[in-house]
Amino acid sequence: MFRSSKEVEDIIKTIKNPESELISLETKNLCIEKIEVEISIISKELAKLNVKKTTRQSFKPHEFKSNKKRLSQLLGCVNYMNRLNKFK
C-alpha cells in the first residue's frame, strides 16, 4: 500500500508524455482524482496511527515518517498539476 518516492515520480511522468507535451485535461483530472483518493487514505492511516499511539497500542513508528513523507509528495504533485492547469 505504501509507495516509494520512485513510484510517485512515475505518477508525475505519466502526466507528461516523452515529448514533454502535456496530456489532455481529462487525463490530468483523472490523475489528480486518483492522487486525492490516495491522499485521503494516507490521512486516515495517519489518524489511525495517532490513535494507536495515544492508546499505547503496538504500532510501527517508521510508518509515521513514511506516511508523512508520502503525503507531502502527493500534495506536492497535486499542487504542481493545479499550477499547470491554472496557466493553461
PDB file of N, CA and C in Angstrom:
ATOM      1  N   MET A   1       0.818  -1.186   0.000  1.00  0.00           N
ATOM      2  CA  MET A   1       0.000   0.000   0.000  1.00  0.00           C
ATOM      3  C   MET A   1       0.863   1.252   0.000  1.00  0.00           C
ATOM      4  N   PHE A   2       2.058   1.169   0.594  1.00  0.00           N
ATOM      5  CA  PHE A   2       2.952   2.308   0.602  1.00  0.00           C
ATOM      6  C   PHE A   2       3.696   2.362  -0.718  1.00  0.00           C
ATOM      7  N   ARG A   3       3.923   3.548  -1.193  1.00  0.00           N
ATOM      8  CA  ARG A   3       4.658   3.711  -2.438  1.00  0.00           C
ATOM      9  C   ARG A   3       5.914   4.505  -2.173  1.00  0.00           C
ATOM     10  N   SER A   4       6.946   4.159  -2.886  1.00  0.00           N
ATOM     11  CA  SER A   4       8.210   4.846  -2.711  1.00  0.00           C
ATOM     12  C   SER A   4       8.203   6.154  -3.498  1.00  0.00           C
ATOM     13  N   SER A   5       9.238   6.943  -3.276  1.00  0.00           N
ATOM     14  CA  SER A   5       9.342   8.208  -3.998  1.00  0.00           C
ATOM     15  C   SER A   5       9.502   7.948  -5.489  1.00  0.00           C
ATOM     16  N   LYS A   6      10.089   6.810  -5.858  1.00  0.00           N
ATOM     17  CA  LYS A   6      10.227   6.471  -7.276  1.00  0.00           C
ATOM     18  C   LYS A   6       8.853   6.278  -7.916  1.00  0.00           C
ATOM     19  N   GLU A   7       7.938   5.637  -7.203  1.00  0.00           N
ATOM     20  CA  GLU A   7       6.596   5.435  -7.737  1.00  0.00           C
ATOM     21  C   GLU A   7       5.858   6.758  -7.875  1.00  0.00           C
ATOM     22  N   VAL A   8       6.093   7.682  -6.936  1.00  0.00           N
ATOM     23  CA  VAL A   8       5.471   8.999  -7.039  1.00  0.00           C
ATOM     24  C   VAL A   8       6.024   9.734  -8.250  1.00  0.00           C
ATOM     25  N   GLU A   9       7.337   9.599  -8.498  1.00  0.00           N
ATOM     26  CA  GLU A   9       7.932  10.207  -9.683  1.00  0.00           C
ATOM     27  C   GLU A   9       7.325   9.614 -10.950  1.00  0.00           C
ATOM     28  N   ASP A  10       7.038   8.303 -10.924  1.00  0.00           N
ATOM     29  CA  ASP A  10       6.406   7.663 -12.076  1.00  0.00           C
ATOM     30  C   ASP A  10       5.011   8.230 -12.325  1.00  0.00           C
ATOM     31  N   ILE A  11       4.293   8.570 -11.247  1.00  0.00           N
ATOM     32  CA  ILE A  11       2.975   9.186 -11.406  1.00  0.00           C
ATOM     33  C   ILE A  11       3.117  10.519 -12.123  1.00  0.00           C
ATOM     34  N   ILE A  12       4.136  11.286 -11.730  1.00  0.00           N
ATOM     35  CA  ILE A  12       4.363  12.583 -12.380  1.00  0.00           C
ATOM     36  C   ILE A  12       4.726  12.379 -13.845  1.00  0.00           C
ATOM     37  N   LYS A  13       5.542  11.344 -14.135  1.00  0.00           N
ATOM     38  CA  LYS A  13       5.938  11.086 -15.515  1.00  0.00           C
ATOM     39  C   LYS A  13       4.744  10.684 -16.376  1.00  0.00           C
ATOM     40  N   THR A  14       3.743  10.021 -15.776  1.00  0.00           N
ATOM     41  CA  THR A  14       2.587   9.622 -16.570  1.00  0.00           C
ATOM     42  C   THR A  14       1.747  10.829 -16.981  1.00  0.00           C
ATOM     43  N   ILE A  15       1.921  11.927 -16.282  1.00  0.00           N
ATOM     44  CA  ILE A  15       1.172  13.126 -16.626  1.00  0.00           C
ATOM     45  C   ILE A  15       1.718  13.737 -17.906  1.00  0.00           C
ATOM     46  N   LYS A  16       3.017  13.586 -18.117  1.00  0.00           N
ATOM     47  CA  LYS A  16       3.640  14.135 -19.317  1.00  0.00           C
ATOM     48  C   LYS A  16       4.024  12.989 -20.244  1.00  0.00           C
ATOM     49  N   ASN A  17       3.931  13.231 -21.521  1.00  0.00           N
ATOM     50  CA  ASN A  17       4.407  12.212 -22.440  1.00  0.00           C
ATOM     51  C   ASN A  17       5.892  12.450 -22.725  1.00  0.00           C
ATOM     52  N   PRO A  18       6.584  11.548 -23.414  1.00  0.00           N
ATOM     53  CA  PRO A  18       8.025  11.690 -23.600  1.00  0.00           C
ATOM     54  C   PRO A  18       8.456  12.978 -24.298  1.00  0.00           C
ATOM     55  N   GLU A  19       7.595  13.577 -25.104  1.00  0.00           N
ATOM     56  CA  GLU A  19       7.969  14.807 -25.803  1.00  0.00           C
ATOM     57  C   GLU A  19       7.770  16.034 -24.922  1.00  0.00           C
ATOM     58  N   SER A  20       7.483  15.841 -23.645  1.00  0.00           N
ATOM     59  CA  SER A  20       7.265  16.904 -22.660  1.00  0.00           C
ATOM     60  C   SER A  20       6.036  17.749 -22.976  1.00  0.00           C
ATOM     61  N   GLU A  21       5.155  17.243 -23.800  1.00  0.00           N
ATOM     62  CA  GLU A  21       3.894  17.929 -24.028  1.00  0.00           C
ATOM     63  C   GLU A  21       2.886  17.383 -23.027  1.00  0.00           C
ATOM     64  N   LEU A  22       2.000  18.237 -22.583  1.00  0.00           N
ATOM     65  CA  LEU A  22       1.048  17.802 -21.569  1.00  0.00           C
ATOM     66  C   LEU A  22      -0.061  16.963 -22.180  1.00  0.00           C
ATOM     67  N   ILE A  23      -0.506  15.988 -21.445  1.00  0.00           N
ATOM     68  CA  ILE A  23      -1.624  15.142 -21.865  1.00  0.00           C
ATOM     69  C   ILE A  23      -2.913  15.927 -21.642  1.00  0.00           C
ATOM     70  N   SER A  24      -4.001  15.502 -22.232  1.00  0.00           N
ATOM     71  CA  SER A  24      -5.266  16.226 -22.163  1.00  0.00           C
ATOM     72  C   SER A  24      -5.714  16.483 -20.732  1.00  0.00           C
ATOM     73  N   LEU A  25      -6.547  17.489 -20.561  1.00  0.00           N
ATOM     74  CA  LEU A  25      -7.023  17.862 -19.230  1.00  0.00           C
ATOM     75  C   LEU A  25      -7.821  16.742 -18.583  1.00  0.00           C
ATOM     76  N   GLU A  26      -8.549  15.957 -19.388  1.00  0.00           N
ATOM     77  CA  GLU A  26      -9.330  14.861 -18.831  1.00  0.00           C
ATOM     78  C   GLU A  26      -8.420  13.852 -18.138  1.00  0.00           C
ATOM     79  N   THR A  27      -7.311  13.527 -18.773  1.00  0.00           N
ATOM     80  CA  THR A  27      -6.369  12.581 -18.180  1.00  0.00           C
ATOM     81  C   THR A  27      -5.750  13.165 -16.928  1.00  0.00           C
ATOM     82  N   LYS A  28      -5.413  14.449 -16.952  1.00  0.00           N
ATOM     83  CA  LYS A  28      -4.836  15.096 -15.774  1.00  0.00           C
ATOM     84  C   LYS A  28      -5.823  15.075 -14.623  1.00  0.00           C
ATOM     85  N   ASN A  29      -7.088  15.360 -14.925  1.00  0.00           N
ATOM     86  CA  ASN A  29      -8.087  15.370 -13.865  1.00  0.00           C
ATOM     87  C   ASN A  29      -8.256  13.989 -13.258  1.00  0.00           C
ATOM     88  N   LEU A  30      -8.174  12.943 -14.095  1.00  0.00           N
ATOM     89  CA  LEU A  30      -8.259  11.582 -13.573  1.00  0.00           C
ATOM     90  C   LEU A  30      -7.074  11.294 -12.654  1.00  0.00           C
ATOM     91  N   CYS A  31      -5.884  11.737 -13.071  1.00  0.00           N
ATOM     92  CA  CYS A  31      -4.699  11.514 -12.238  1.00  0.00           C
ATOM     93  C   CYS A  31      -4.836  12.263 -10.923  1.00  0.00           C
ATOM     94  N   ILE A  32      -5.316  13.493 -10.978  1.00  0.00           N
ATOM     95  CA  ILE A  32      -5.484  14.279  -9.761  1.00  0.00           C
ATOM     96  C   ILE A  32      -6.493  13.609  -8.847  1.00  0.00           C
ATOM     97  N   GLU A  33      -7.572  13.085  -9.409  1.00  0.00           N
ATOM     98  CA  GLU A  33      -8.585  12.420  -8.591  1.00  0.00           C
ATOM     99  C   GLU A  33      -8.012  11.175  -7.913  1.00  0.00           C
ATOM    100  N   LYS A  34      -7.207  10.396  -8.642  1.00  0.00           N
ATOM    101  CA  LYS A  34      -6.604   9.203  -8.055  1.00  0.00           C
ATOM    102  C   LYS A  34      -5.657   9.588  -6.927  1.00  0.00           C
ATOM    103  N   ILE A  35      -4.873  10.631  -7.145  1.00  0.00           N
ATOM    104  CA  ILE A  35      -3.937  11.076  -6.118  1.00  0.00           C
ATOM    105  C   ILE A  35      -4.689  11.588  -4.904  1.00  0.00           C
ATOM    106  N   GLU A  36      -5.781  12.320  -5.124  1.00  0.00           N
ATOM    107  CA  GLU A  36      -6.555  12.833  -3.994  1.00  0.00           C
ATOM    108  C   GLU A  36      -7.192  11.713  -3.181  1.00  0.00           C
ATOM    109  N   VAL A  37      -7.598  10.644  -3.852  1.00  0.00           N
ATOM    110  CA  VAL A  37      -8.123   9.480  -3.127  1.00  0.00           C
ATOM    111  C   VAL A  37      -7.024   8.875  -2.269  1.00  0.00           C
ATOM    112  N   GLU A  38      -5.836   8.762  -2.836  1.00  0.00           N
ATOM    113  CA  GLU A  38      -4.718   8.208  -2.077  1.00  0.00           C
ATOM    114  C   GLU A  38      -4.333   9.126  -0.910  1.00  0.00           C
ATOM    115  N   ILE A  39      -4.434  10.433  -1.110  1.00  0.00           N
ATOM    116  CA  ILE A  39      -4.153  11.384  -0.031  1.00  0.00           C
ATOM    117  C   ILE A  39      -5.117  11.164   1.126  1.00  0.00           C
ATOM    118  N   SER A  40      -6.386  10.958   0.817  1.00  0.00           N
ATOM    119  CA  SER A  40      -7.358  10.730   1.892  1.00  0.00           C
ATOM    120  C   SER A  40      -7.079   9.417   2.615  1.00  0.00           C
ATOM    121  N   ILE A  41      -6.648   8.397   1.888  1.00  0.00           N
ATOM    122  CA  ILE A  41      -6.320   7.115   2.511  1.00  0.00           C
ATOM    123  C   ILE A  41      -5.136   7.275   3.463  1.00  0.00           C
ATOM    124  N   ILE A  42      -4.115   7.983   3.022  1.00  0.00           N
ATOM    125  CA  ILE A  42      -2.936   8.179   3.866  1.00  0.00           C
ATOM    126  C   ILE A  42      -3.286   9.007   5.095  1.00  0.00           C
ATOM    127  N   SER A  43      -4.129  10.007   4.927  1.00  0.00           N
ATOM    128  CA  SER A  43      -4.540  10.827   6.073  1.00  0.00           C
ATOM    129  C   SER A  43      -5.271   9.977   7.108  1.00  0.00           C
ATOM    130  N   LYS A  44      -6.121   9.070   6.630  1.00  0.00           N
ATOM    131  CA  LYS A  44      -6.830   8.179   7.546  1.00  0.00           C
ATOM    132  C   LYS A  44      -5.858   7.239   8.253  1.00  0.00           C
ATOM    133  N   GLU A  45      -4.849   6.753   7.519  1.00  0.00           N
ATOM    134  CA  GLU A  45      -3.849   5.880   8.135  1.00  0.00           C
ATOM    135  C   GLU A  45      -3.075   6.622   9.219  1.00  0.00           C
ATOM    136  N   LEU A  46      -2.734   7.882   8.958  1.00  0.00           N
ATOM    137  CA  LEU A  46      -2.033   8.678   9.969  1.00  0.00           C
ATOM    138  C   LEU A  46      -2.909   8.880  11.204  1.00  0.00           C
ATOM    139  N   ALA A  47      -4.200   9.099  10.992  1.00  0.00           N
ATOM    140  CA  ALA A  47      -5.112   9.257  12.129  1.00  0.00           C
ATOM    141  C   ALA A  47      -5.187   7.969  12.945  1.00  0.00           C
ATOM    142  N   LYS A  48      -5.243   6.824  12.263  1.00  0.00           N
ATOM    143  CA  LYS A  48      -5.276   5.536  12.968  1.00  0.00           C
ATOM    144  C   LYS A  48      -3.995   5.318  13.764  1.00  0.00           C
ATOM    145  N   LEU A  49      -2.857   5.707  13.176  1.00  0.00           N
ATOM    146  CA  LEU A  49      -1.592   5.554  13.885  1.00  0.00           C
ATOM    147  C   LEU A  49      -1.550   6.443  15.120  1.00  0.00           C
ATOM    148  N   ASN A  50      -2.093   7.658  15.007  1.00  0.00           N
ATOM    149  CA  ASN A  50      -2.138   8.550  16.165  1.00  0.00           C
ATOM    150  C   ASN A  50      -3.017   7.974  17.271  1.00  0.00           C
ATOM    151  N   VAL A  51      -4.123   7.351  16.903  1.00  0.00           N
ATOM    152  CA  VAL A  51      -4.994   6.723  17.901  1.00  0.00           C
ATOM    153  C   VAL A  51      -4.258   5.580  18.579  1.00  0.00           C
ATOM    154  N   LYS A  52      -3.562   4.769  17.785  1.00  0.00           N
ATOM    155  CA  LYS A  52      -2.796   3.664  18.371  1.00  0.00           C
ATOM    156  C   LYS A  52      -1.725   4.191  19.315  1.00  0.00           C
ATOM    157  N   LYS A  53      -1.104   5.285  18.918  1.00  0.00           N
ATOM    158  CA  LYS A  53      -0.044   5.854  19.751  1.00  0.00           C
ATOM    159  C   LYS A  53      -0.596   6.365  21.079  1.00  0.00           C
ATOM    160  N   THR A  54      -1.717   7.070  21.032  1.00  0.00           N
ATOM    161  CA  THR A  54      -2.276   7.640  22.257  1.00  0.00           C
ATOM    162  C   THR A  54      -2.880   6.585  23.174  1.00  0.00           C
ATOM    163  N   THR A  55      -3.371   5.491  22.593  1.00  0.00           N
ATOM    164  CA  THR A  55      -3.943   4.421  23.423  1.00  0.00           C
ATOM    165  C   THR A  55      -2.887   3.379  23.798  1.00  0.00           C
ATOM    166  N   ARG A  56      -1.641   3.656  23.457  1.00  0.00           N
ATOM    167  CA  ARG A  56      -0.495   2.802  23.795  1.00  0.00           C
ATOM    168  C   ARG A  56      -0.617   1.385  23.234  1.00  0.00           C
ATOM    169  N   GLN A  57      -1.209   1.291  22.058  1.00  0.00           N
ATOM    170  CA  GLN A  57      -1.245   0.003  21.367  1.00  0.00           C
ATOM    171  C   GLN A  57       0.054  -0.137  20.579  1.00  0.00           C
ATOM    172  N   SER A  58       0.335  -1.340  20.148  1.00  0.00           N
ATOM    173  CA  SER A  58       1.562  -1.545  19.386  1.00  0.00           C
ATOM    174  C   SER A  58       1.384  -0.982  17.967  1.00  0.00           C
ATOM    175  N   PHE A  59       2.421  -0.305  17.503  1.00  0.00           N
ATOM    176  CA  PHE A  59       2.432   0.251  16.156  1.00  0.00           C
ATOM    177  C   PHE A  59       3.875   0.355  15.708  1.00  0.00           C
ATOM    178  N   LYS A  60       4.054   0.567  14.432  1.00  0.00           N
ATOM    179  CA  LYS A  60       5.399   0.680  13.874  1.00  0.00           C
ATOM    180  C   LYS A  60       5.705   2.167  13.689  1.00  0.00           C
ATOM    181  N   PRO A  61       6.646   2.709  14.449  1.00  0.00           N
ATOM    182  CA  PRO A  61       6.918   4.146  14.391  1.00  0.00           C
ATOM    183  C   PRO A  61       7.411   4.635  13.031  1.00  0.00           C
ATOM    184  N   HIS A  62       8.050   3.755  12.272  1.00  0.00           N
ATOM    185  CA  HIS A  62       8.551   4.196  10.967  1.00  0.00           C
ATOM    186  C   HIS A  62       7.403   4.518  10.006  1.00  0.00           C
ATOM    187  N   GLU A  63       6.207   4.003  10.284  1.00  0.00           N
ATOM    188  CA  GLU A  63       5.067   4.280   9.414  1.00  0.00           C
ATOM    189  C   GLU A  63       4.661   5.752   9.475  1.00  0.00           C
ATOM    190  N   PHE A  64       4.894   6.418  10.610  1.00  0.00           N
ATOM    191  CA  PHE A  64       4.624   7.853  10.691  1.00  0.00           C
ATOM    192  C   PHE A  64       5.457   8.603   9.662  1.00  0.00           C
ATOM    193  N   LYS A  65       6.753   8.304   9.679  1.00  0.00           N
ATOM    194  CA  LYS A  65       7.673   9.018   8.787  1.00  0.00           C
ATOM    195  C   LYS A  65       7.339   8.742   7.322  1.00  0.00           C
ATOM    196  N   SER A  66       7.134   7.471   6.989  1.00  0.00           N
ATOM    197  CA  SER A  66       6.874   7.133   5.597  1.00  0.00           C
ATOM    198  C   SER A  66       5.539   7.706   5.115  1.00  0.00           C
ATOM    199  N   ASN A  67       4.511   7.673   5.975  1.00  0.00           N
ATOM    200  CA  ASN A  67       3.215   8.224   5.582  1.00  0.00           C
ATOM    201  C   ASN A  67       3.267   9.739   5.417  1.00  0.00           C
ATOM    202  N   LYS A  68       3.947  10.414   6.335  1.00  0.00           N
ATOM    203  CA  LYS A  68       4.055  11.868   6.232  1.00  0.00           C
ATOM    204  C   LYS A  68       4.833  12.278   4.986  1.00  0.00           C
ATOM    205  N   LYS A  69       5.899  11.540   4.699  1.00  0.00           N
ATOM    206  CA  LYS A  69       6.697  11.846   3.513  1.00  0.00           C
ATOM    207  C   LYS A  69       5.879  11.642   2.239  1.00  0.00           C
ATOM    208  N   ARG A  70       5.173  10.521   2.192  1.00  0.00           N
ATOM    209  CA  ARG A  70       4.354  10.224   1.021  1.00  0.00           C
ATOM    210  C   ARG A  70       3.225  11.229   0.845  1.00  0.00           C
ATOM    211  N   LEU A  71       2.625  11.627   1.959  1.00  0.00           N
ATOM    212  CA  LEU A  71       1.553  12.622   1.910  1.00  0.00           C
ATOM    213  C   LEU A  71       2.071  13.943   1.354  1.00  0.00           C
ATOM    214  N   SER A  72       3.231  14.370   1.803  1.00  0.00           N
ATOM    215  CA  SER A  72       3.780  15.633   1.300  1.00  0.00           C
ATOM    216  C   SER A  72       4.150  15.527  -0.174  1.00  0.00           C
ATOM    217  N   GLN A  73       4.638  14.364  -0.606  1.00  0.00           N
ATOM    218  CA  GLN A  73       4.961  14.181  -2.021  1.00  0.00           C
ATOM    219  C   GLN A  73       3.704  14.262  -2.880  1.00  0.00           C
ATOM    220  N   LEU A  74       2.647  13.605  -2.450  1.00  0.00           N
ATOM    221  CA  LEU A  74       1.410  13.611  -3.227  1.00  0.00           C
ATOM    222  C   LEU A  74       0.770  14.992  -3.244  1.00  0.00           C
ATOM    223  N   LEU A  75       0.816  15.695  -2.112  1.00  0.00           N
ATOM    224  CA  LEU A  75       0.281  17.055  -2.081  1.00  0.00           C
ATOM    225  C   LEU A  75       1.077  17.966  -3.006  1.00  0.00           C
ATOM    226  N   GLY A  76       2.383  17.735  -3.067  1.00  0.00           N
ATOM    227  CA  GLY A  76       3.219  18.499  -3.991  1.00  0.00           C
ATOM    228  C   GLY A  76       2.856  18.217  -5.436  1.00  0.00           C
ATOM    229  N   CYS A  77       2.568  16.957  -5.760  1.00  0.00           N
ATOM    230  CA  CYS A  77       2.163  16.587  -7.124  1.00  0.00           C
ATOM    231  C   CYS A  77       0.866  17.288  -7.504  1.00  0.00           C
ATOM    232  N   VAL A  78      -0.108  17.264  -6.610  1.00  0.00           N
ATOM    233  CA  VAL A  78      -1.403  17.893  -6.888  1.00  0.00           C
ATOM    234  C   VAL A  78      -1.224  19.400  -7.053  1.00  0.00           C
ATOM    235  N   ASN A  79      -0.415  19.997  -6.193  1.00  0.00           N
ATOM    236  CA  ASN A  79      -0.165  21.428  -6.277  1.00  0.00           C
ATOM    237  C   ASN A  79       0.490  21.782  -7.609  1.00  0.00           C
ATOM    238  N   TYR A  80       1.470  20.987  -8.025  1.00  0.00           N
ATOM    239  CA  TYR A  80       2.161  21.219  -9.290  1.00  0.00           C
ATOM    240  C   TYR A  80       1.209  21.099 -10.476  1.00  0.00           C
ATOM    241  N   MET A  81       0.369  20.067 -10.455  1.00  0.00           N
ATOM    242  CA  MET A  81      -0.570  19.870 -11.568  1.00  0.00           C
ATOM    243  C   MET A  81      -1.607  20.985 -11.613  1.00  0.00           C
ATOM    244  N   ASN A  82      -2.050  21.453 -10.445  1.00  0.00           N
ATOM    245  CA  ASN A  82      -3.017  22.549 -10.418  1.00  0.00           C
ATOM    246  C   ASN A  82      -2.404  23.831 -10.963  1.00  0.00           C
ATOM    247  N   ARG A  83      -1.131  24.053 -10.675  1.00  0.00           N
ATOM    248  CA  ARG A  83      -0.456  25.234 -11.233  1.00  0.00           C
ATOM    249  C   ARG A  83      -0.375  25.152 -12.742  1.00  0.00           C
ATOM    250  N   LEU A  84      -0.073  23.947 -13.257  1.00  0.00           N
ATOM    251  CA  LEU A  84      -0.008  23.781 -14.709  1.00  0.00           C
ATOM    252  C   LEU A  84      -1.363  24.049 -15.343  1.00  0.00           C
ATOM    253  N   ASN A  85      -2.431  23.554 -14.724  1.00  0.00           N
ATOM    254  CA  ASN A  85      -3.776  23.780 -15.245  1.00  0.00           C
ATOM    255  C   ASN A  85      -4.159  25.246 -15.180  1.00  0.00           C
ATOM    256  N   LYS A  86      -3.675  25.940 -14.177  1.00  0.00           N
ATOM    257  CA  LYS A  86      -4.005  27.357 -13.991  1.00  0.00           C
ATOM    258  C   LYS A  86      -3.431  28.203 -15.116  1.00  0.00           C
ATOM    259  N   PHE A  87      -2.207  27.859 -15.564  1.00  0.00           N
ATOM    260  CA  PHE A  87      -1.559  28.674 -16.576  1.00  0.00           C
ATOM    261  C   PHE A  87      -1.943  28.256 -17.980  1.00  0.00           C
ATOM    262  N   LYS A  88      -2.664  27.187 -18.140  1.00  0.00           N
ATOM    263  CA  LYS A  88      -3.092  26.754 -19.491  1.00  0.00           C
ATOM    264  C   LYS A  88      -4.331  27.474 -19.903  1.00  0.00           C
TER     265      LYS A  88
END
